[in-house]
């Protein structure tokens, strides 16, 4: 659990309750996409979620491809934002809130297969101010296609 957090967040509790059930990961991912509808556009699925870490996957399919047949850069960024969002919701202490400030990514290789997006936060980093969430997107072969950070603004709830 996060620093100063005595019990798991509601998102993490829900994940723990449903992810082991048949179809639970798909159901959880659909709920996430319902709360943030733009995520529906990539059809991603949360595969692993724990404090300070999330792993989300998406299939390479025509709806997310660009003109050269690779996964579109914006679809990959959407995957990374979804991973960051569930990571943040599962990790942030109850007295804090977050909002994204920006995203810096580098395109390192072709996104030529199904993609896995990972978001990671350093333990103990959840405190008011700027927070950088490390994000990477890898191909099925394990090649890092996109790497970067999503900057969050962390503040006290009022």
C-alpha atoms as a PDB file:
ATOM      1  CA  UNK A   1       0.000   0.000   0.000  1.00  0.00           C
ATOM      2  CA  UNK A   2       0.983   3.619  -0.471  1.00  0.00           C
ATOM      3  CA  UNK A   3       2.647   5.658   2.210  1.00  0.00           C
ATOM      4  CA  UNK A   4       0.215   6.991   4.800  1.00  0.00           C
ATOM      5  CA  UNK A   5      -2.509   4.706   3.464  1.00  0.00           C
ATOM      6  CA  UNK A   6      -3.875   2.246   6.012  1.00  0.00           C
ATOM      7  CA  UNK A   7      -6.054   0.293   3.622  1.00  0.00           C
ATOM      8  CA  UNK A   8      -6.243  -0.292  -0.126  1.00  0.00           C
ATOM      9  CA  UNK A   9      -8.017   2.271  -2.302  1.00  0.00           C
ATOM     10  CA  UNK A  10     -11.523   1.429  -3.563  1.00  0.00           C
ATOM     11  CA  UNK A  11     -10.035   0.749  -7.014  1.00  0.00           C
ATOM     12  CA  UNK A  12      -7.447  -1.664  -5.616  1.00  0.00           C
ATOM     13  CA  UNK A  13     -10.087  -3.378  -3.449  1.00  0.00           C
ATOM     14  CA  UNK A  14     -12.291  -3.847  -6.512  1.00  0.00           C
ATOM     15  CA  UNK A  15      -9.370  -5.175  -8.554  1.00  0.00           C
ATOM     16  CA  UNK A  16      -8.464  -7.678  -5.866  1.00  0.00           C
ATOM     17  CA  UNK A  17     -12.074  -8.814  -5.581  1.00  0.00           C
ATOM     18  CA  UNK A  18     -12.851  -9.291  -9.283  1.00  0.00           C
ATOM     19  CA  UNK A  19      -9.564  -9.941 -11.124  1.00  0.00           C
ATOM     20  CA  UNK A  20      -9.302 -13.599 -10.077  1.00  0.00           C
ATOM     21  CA  UNK A  21     -12.859 -14.384 -11.187  1.00  0.00           C
ATOM     22  CA  UNK A  22     -13.531 -15.770 -14.671  1.00  0.00           C
ATOM     23  CA  UNK A  23     -13.776 -12.717 -16.920  1.00  0.00           C
ATOM     24  CA  UNK A  24     -12.894 -10.481 -13.970  1.00  0.00           C
ATOM     25  CA  UNK A  25     -10.037  -8.623 -15.648  1.00  0.00           C
ATOM     26  CA  UNK A  26     -12.244  -7.906 -18.643  1.00  0.00           C
ATOM     27  CA  UNK A  27     -15.076  -6.715 -16.386  1.00  0.00           C
ATOM     28  CA  UNK A  28     -12.723  -4.463 -14.389  1.00  0.00           C
ATOM     29  CA  UNK A  29     -11.307  -3.010 -17.629  1.00  0.00           C
ATOM     30  CA  UNK A  30     -14.815  -2.305 -18.940  1.00  0.00           C
ATOM     31  CA  UNK A  31     -15.668  -0.456 -15.720  1.00  0.00           C
ATOM     32  CA  UNK A  32     -12.497   1.642 -16.078  1.00  0.00           C
ATOM     33  CA  UNK A  33     -13.440   2.423 -19.693  1.00  0.00           C
ATOM     34  CA  UNK A  34     -16.961   3.341 -18.593  1.00  0.00           C
ATOM     35  CA  UNK A  35     -15.552   5.876 -16.099  1.00  0.00           C
ATOM     36  CA  UNK A  36     -13.174   7.265 -18.767  1.00  0.00           C
ATOM     37  CA  UNK A  37     -14.981   6.524 -22.061  1.00  0.00           C
ATOM     38  CA  UNK A  38     -12.122   7.456 -24.392  1.00  0.00           C
ATOM     39  CA  UNK A  39     -10.309   4.311 -23.243  1.00  0.00           C
ATOM     40  CA  UNK A  40     -13.004   2.312 -25.064  1.00  0.00           C
ATOM     41  CA  UNK A  41     -11.349   3.320 -28.339  1.00  0.00           C
ATOM     42  CA  UNK A  42      -8.379   1.003 -27.737  1.00  0.00           C
ATOM     43  CA  UNK A  43     -10.116  -1.974 -26.114  1.00  0.00           C
ATOM     44  CA  UNK A  44      -7.375  -2.365 -23.499  1.00  0.00           C
ATOM     45  CA  UNK A  45      -7.380  -4.808 -20.599  1.00  0.00           C
ATOM     46  CA  UNK A  46      -5.809  -4.373 -17.171  1.00  0.00           C
ATOM     47  CA  UNK A  47      -3.648  -7.451 -16.566  1.00  0.00           C
ATOM     48  CA  UNK A  48      -1.881  -6.570 -13.314  1.00  0.00           C
ATOM     49  CA  UNK A  49      -2.487  -3.894 -10.713  1.00  0.00           C
ATOM     50  CA  UNK A  50      -0.800  -3.258  -7.399  1.00  0.00           C
ATOM     51  CA  UNK A  51       0.320  -0.151  -5.522  1.00  0.00           C
ATOM     52  CA  UNK A  52       2.728   1.850  -7.720  1.00  0.00           C
ATOM     53  CA  UNK A  53       2.434  -0.514 -10.702  1.00  0.00           C
ATOM     54  CA  UNK A  54      -0.014  -1.290 -13.503  1.00  0.00           C
ATOM     55  CA  UNK A  55       0.247  -3.454 -16.613  1.00  0.00           C
ATOM     56  CA  UNK A  56      -2.362  -2.986 -19.351  1.00  0.00           C
ATOM     57  CA  UNK A  57      -2.529  -4.691 -22.758  1.00  0.00           C
ATOM     58  CA  UNK A  58      -4.199  -4.014 -26.075  1.00  0.00           C
ATOM     59  CA  UNK A  59      -4.500  -6.041 -29.233  1.00  0.00           C
ATOM     60  CA  UNK A  60      -3.148  -4.803 -32.538  1.00  0.00           C
ATOM     61  CA  UNK A  61      -6.267  -4.541 -34.664  1.00  0.00           C
ATOM     62  CA  UNK A  62      -7.354  -2.382 -37.553  1.00  0.00           C
ATOM     63  CA  UNK A  63      -9.131   0.176 -35.327  1.00  0.00           C
ATOM     64  CA  UNK A  64      -5.830   1.172 -33.655  1.00  0.00           C
ATOM     65  CA  UNK A  65      -3.533   1.012 -36.695  1.00  0.00           C
ATOM     66  CA  UNK A  66      -2.058   3.832 -38.719  1.00  0.00           C
ATOM     67  CA  UNK A  67      -1.452   4.050 -42.467  1.00  0.00           C
ATOM     68  CA  UNK A  68       1.656   1.802 -42.329  1.00  0.00           C
ATOM     69  CA  UNK A  69      -0.042  -0.982 -40.369  1.00  0.00           C
ATOM     70  CA  UNK A  70       1.551  -0.381 -36.973  1.00  0.00           C
ATOM     71  CA  UNK A  71      -0.284   0.641 -33.803  1.00  0.00           C
ATOM     72  CA  UNK A  72      -0.928   4.377 -34.000  1.00  0.00           C
ATOM     73  CA  UNK A  73       1.183   6.528 -31.686  1.00  0.00           C
ATOM     74  CA  UNK A  74      -1.891   8.098 -30.089  1.00  0.00           C
ATOM     75  CA  UNK A  75      -3.400   4.662 -29.394  1.00  0.00           C
ATOM     76  CA  UNK A  76      -0.162   3.720 -27.616  1.00  0.00           C
ATOM     77  CA  UNK A  77      -0.278   6.980 -25.624  1.00  0.00           C
ATOM     78  CA  UNK A  78      -3.891   6.190 -24.695  1.00  0.00           C
ATOM     79  CA  UNK A  79      -2.731   2.759 -23.470  1.00  0.00           C
ATOM     80  CA  UNK A  80      -0.046   4.415 -21.352  1.00  0.00           C
ATOM     81  CA  UNK A  81      -2.507   6.934 -19.947  1.00  0.00           C
ATOM     82  CA  UNK A  82      -4.869   4.122 -18.959  1.00  0.00           C
ATOM     83  CA  UNK A  83      -2.028   2.287 -17.218  1.00  0.00           C
ATOM     84  CA  UNK A  84      -1.042   5.478 -15.393  1.00  0.00           C
ATOM     85  CA  UNK A  85      -4.639   6.183 -14.390  1.00  0.00           C
ATOM     86  CA  UNK A  86      -5.323   2.803 -12.813  1.00  0.00           C
ATOM     87  CA  UNK A  87      -1.881   2.870 -11.181  1.00  0.00           C
ATOM     88  CA  UNK A  88      -2.616   6.292  -9.673  1.00  0.00           C
ATOM     89  CA  UNK A  89      -6.081   5.308  -8.481  1.00  0.00           C
ATOM     90  CA  UNK A  90      -4.721   2.122  -6.900  1.00  0.00           C
ATOM     91  CA  UNK A  91      -1.809   3.886  -5.220  1.00  0.00           C
ATOM     92  CA  UNK A  92      -2.578   7.428  -4.117  1.00  0.00           C
ATOM     93  CA  UNK A  93      -3.243   7.933  -0.397  1.00  0.00           C
ATOM     94  CA  UNK A  94      -6.882   8.707   0.422  1.00  0.00           C
ATOM     95  CA  UNK A  95      -6.140  12.314   1.486  1.00  0.00           C
ATOM     96  CA  UNK A  96      -4.618  13.214  -1.902  1.00  0.00           C
ATOM     97  CA  UNK A  97      -5.877  13.638  -5.465  1.00  0.00           C
ATOM     98  CA  UNK A  98      -4.155  13.750  -8.847  1.00  0.00           C
ATOM     99  CA  UNK A  99      -4.551  15.388 -12.222  1.00  0.00           C
ATOM    100  CA  UNK A 100      -2.355  14.906 -15.301  1.00  0.00           C
ATOM    101  CA  UNK A 101      -0.162  17.856 -16.300  1.00  0.00           C
ATOM    102  CA  UNK A 102       1.620  16.478 -19.332  1.00  0.00           C
ATOM    103  CA  UNK A 103       3.136  13.564 -21.134  1.00  0.00           C
ATOM    104  CA  UNK A 104       6.589  13.260 -22.666  1.00  0.00           C
ATOM    105  CA  UNK A 105       7.220  10.174 -24.753  1.00  0.00           C
ATOM    106  CA  UNK A 106       9.799   8.943 -27.207  1.00  0.00           C
ATOM    107  CA  UNK A 107       8.974   6.607 -30.049  1.00  0.00           C
ATOM    108  CA  UNK A 108      11.837   4.132 -30.065  1.00  0.00           C
ATOM    109  CA  UNK A 109      10.650   1.305 -32.333  1.00  0.00           C
ATOM    110  CA  UNK A 110       7.676   0.255 -34.433  1.00  0.00           C
ATOM    111  CA  UNK A 111       4.603  -0.774 -32.456  1.00  0.00           C
ATOM    112  CA  UNK A 112       4.073  -3.744 -34.750  1.00  0.00           C
ATOM    113  CA  UNK A 113       2.142  -6.175 -32.532  1.00  0.00           C
ATOM    114  CA  UNK A 114      -0.147  -6.371 -29.544  1.00  0.00           C
ATOM    115  CA  UNK A 115       1.129  -3.873 -26.983  1.00  0.00           C
ATOM    116  CA  UNK A 116       1.742  -3.885 -23.238  1.00  0.00           C
ATOM    117  CA  UNK A 117       1.730  -0.609 -21.342  1.00  0.00           C
ATOM    118  CA  UNK A 118       3.343  -0.334 -17.929  1.00  0.00           C
ATOM    119  CA  UNK A 119       3.123   2.540 -15.451  1.00  0.00           C
ATOM    120  CA  UNK A 120       5.399   2.667 -12.406  1.00  0.00           C
ATOM    121  CA  UNK A 121       5.781   5.083  -9.512  1.00  0.00           C
ATOM    122  CA  UNK A 122       8.592   5.128  -6.991  1.00  0.00           C
ATOM    123  CA  UNK A 123       7.412   3.973  -3.547  1.00  0.00           C
ATOM    124  CA  UNK A 124       7.018   6.945  -1.227  1.00  0.00           C
ATOM    125  CA  UNK A 125       6.514   9.424  -4.081  1.00  0.00           C
ATOM    126  CA  UNK A 126       2.854  10.194  -3.351  1.00  0.00           C
ATOM    127  CA  UNK A 127       2.969  13.657  -1.777  1.00  0.00           C
ATOM    128  CA  UNK A 128       1.727  17.105  -2.860  1.00  0.00           C
ATOM    129  CA  UNK A 129       3.524  18.605  -5.865  1.00  0.00           C
ATOM    130  CA  UNK A 130       4.744  17.239  -9.172  1.00  0.00           C
ATOM    131  CA  UNK A 131       5.052  13.503  -9.659  1.00  0.00           C
ATOM    132  CA  UNK A 132       6.542  11.734 -12.673  1.00  0.00           C
ATOM    133  CA  UNK A 133       5.038   8.385 -13.556  1.00  0.00           C
ATOM    134  CA  UNK A 134       7.374   6.258 -15.671  1.00  0.00           C
ATOM    135  CA  UNK A 135       5.579   4.647 -18.630  1.00  0.00           C
ATOM    136  CA  UNK A 136       6.721   2.137 -21.239  1.00  0.00           C
ATOM    137  CA  UNK A 137       4.987   0.328 -24.063  1.00  0.00           C
ATOM    138  CA  UNK A 138       6.471  -2.905 -25.352  1.00  0.00           C
ATOM    139  CA  UNK A 139       5.717  -5.185 -28.257  1.00  0.00           C
ATOM    140  CA  UNK A 140       4.860  -8.861 -27.940  1.00  0.00           C
ATOM    141  CA  UNK A 141       8.569  -9.573 -28.581  1.00  0.00           C
ATOM    142  CA  UNK A 142       9.540  -7.404 -25.586  1.00  0.00           C
ATOM    143  CA  UNK A 143      10.870  -4.490 -27.640  1.00  0.00           C
ATOM    144  CA  UNK A 144      10.301  -1.096 -26.016  1.00  0.00           C
ATOM    145  CA  UNK A 145       8.417   0.873 -28.652  1.00  0.00           C
ATOM    146  CA  UNK A 146       7.534   3.910 -26.518  1.00  0.00           C
ATOM    147  CA  UNK A 147       9.030   5.199 -23.263  1.00  0.00           C
ATOM    148  CA  UNK A 148       8.456   8.327 -21.261  1.00  0.00           C
ATOM    149  CA  UNK A 149       6.808   9.974 -18.293  1.00  0.00           C
ATOM    150  CA  UNK A 150       3.371  11.279 -17.476  1.00  0.00           C
ATOM    151  CA  UNK A 151       3.554  14.238 -15.106  1.00  0.00           C
ATOM    152  CA  UNK A 152       0.886  14.511 -12.429  1.00  0.00           C
ATOM    153  CA  UNK A 153      -0.039  17.304 -10.047  1.00  0.00           C
ATOM    154  CA  UNK A 154      -0.719  15.870  -6.614  1.00  0.00           C
ATOM    155  CA  UNK A 155      -2.677  17.960  -4.103  1.00  0.00           C
ATOM    156  CA  UNK A 156      -4.522  17.623  -0.821  1.00  0.00           C
ATOM    157  CA  UNK A 157      -8.280  16.959  -0.994  1.00  0.00           C
ATOM    158  CA  UNK A 158     -10.280  19.816   0.477  1.00  0.00           C
END
